[in-house]
Amino acid sequence: MGRAALLGAIFWITGAAAETSSPLRGLAPMLLDCAGDAELCGEAAACGDCHPDQYTQWQGSMHRAAWNNTVFQHGFARDPKRFCFHCHAPLERDWRRFAAHRGDAKSEGVNCQVCHLAERAPNTKATRTDDHPVRTLADLRDPKFCSQCHEFDLIEEHGGKMHPTNVPLQKTYTEWVRYRDAGGKGTCQSCHMPGGDHRFRGAHDIDFFRGALGFEVVRGATEWQIALSNTGVGHNVPTGDIFRRLVVEHVAKDGRVQSLAVFERVFALRYDAPSDRFRKVLVENRSLRPGQRVEWSLPATVGGHVRVIYYWAGRDFEGSMPQVIHTRSLKAAKD
């Protein structure tokens, strides 16, 4: 972790700045009282002894990599916000480790305790097995539970406090509510955790993502007809972090690239006179809505191929971590 990120971590841990009284989304701080059940507050591996399938699935998930993944660390090193810990490393013990080890300590990100002990202490009044208290949380089946980290507005830090704004940074839950109200049937859990699968499959899983986007290329008498549709996603694409984008391109035989469309949310800095500061605002939302279909055409004489690329990281990130989701060859009419 860079020095700036370390200072941001220590700044929060030591409480050098007071929190605003406005509600902030996220799961932190999670201060677990594990008296009598200390193992519950250990590493996730302790849970794996009795829940090996879930533990193995979680190990390969983005929840496990919430803190350590390259894209997050790149952004956090540039703009270390205390608020980032709320979802990327919610356990209080992790903050302590960052301070004690000068930022070198690892975090398990969103581990078993973060979701299953979400009330911040084991429920000792619950039914007890031979190993630990057991409880059933209806909240874990409710998409609103996921909104704690997948729905929040921009947080500004000034005057030693964190201030929520009305600028939406992540609105995945709101997007899903619109989908549901329009007749959509799936939920966060039924799509990303079918049967209790703890891999939390999403856009980082190319095969999973590919199956959720329809991509058609048909040659007519004079034109290629190309279409991209959001057929299997209950929210916009892309969703989540603001630097993600979905690009549709035509690549000619000689390698020249023509952009057909970029699906993303566009933000810009605008001067706000009352506060006398520049603020980030949403300028345009170009993301692909559930059920939306977008079409393009190219002359039937062109060759090469068309492709759909998903970019995980912003344009300032080296390589931007592109993933090719779909590609279709174009056999020109004259060939």
Foldseek 3Di string as FASTA:
>chain_A
DDLQQLVLLVCVLVCVFPADPDDFFFQDQQAEDQVVQVLLVDDLVSVCVVVVQLSVLQCQAVQQCLPPDPQVVVVCNVPPHNSSCRQQPRYSVVSVVCNVVVHPDDGSHCHPCVPVVSVRYFDQVADADPRGHDDDDPLVVDLVVVCSPQWAADWDDDPRYIDGDPATFFHFVVQLVVLVVVPDDDGQCCLQQNVHRNNSDDVVPLVSPLVQKDWDWDDDPWKIKIKIAREHDSGWPPGGGQQKKKWKWFQFPVGDIDTPDIFGWDWDWDQDVVVRDTDIHTDDGRTHGHGDMDMDIDTLQTWGKMWMWIFPHHPVDVVSPIDTNDMDTRDRPVD
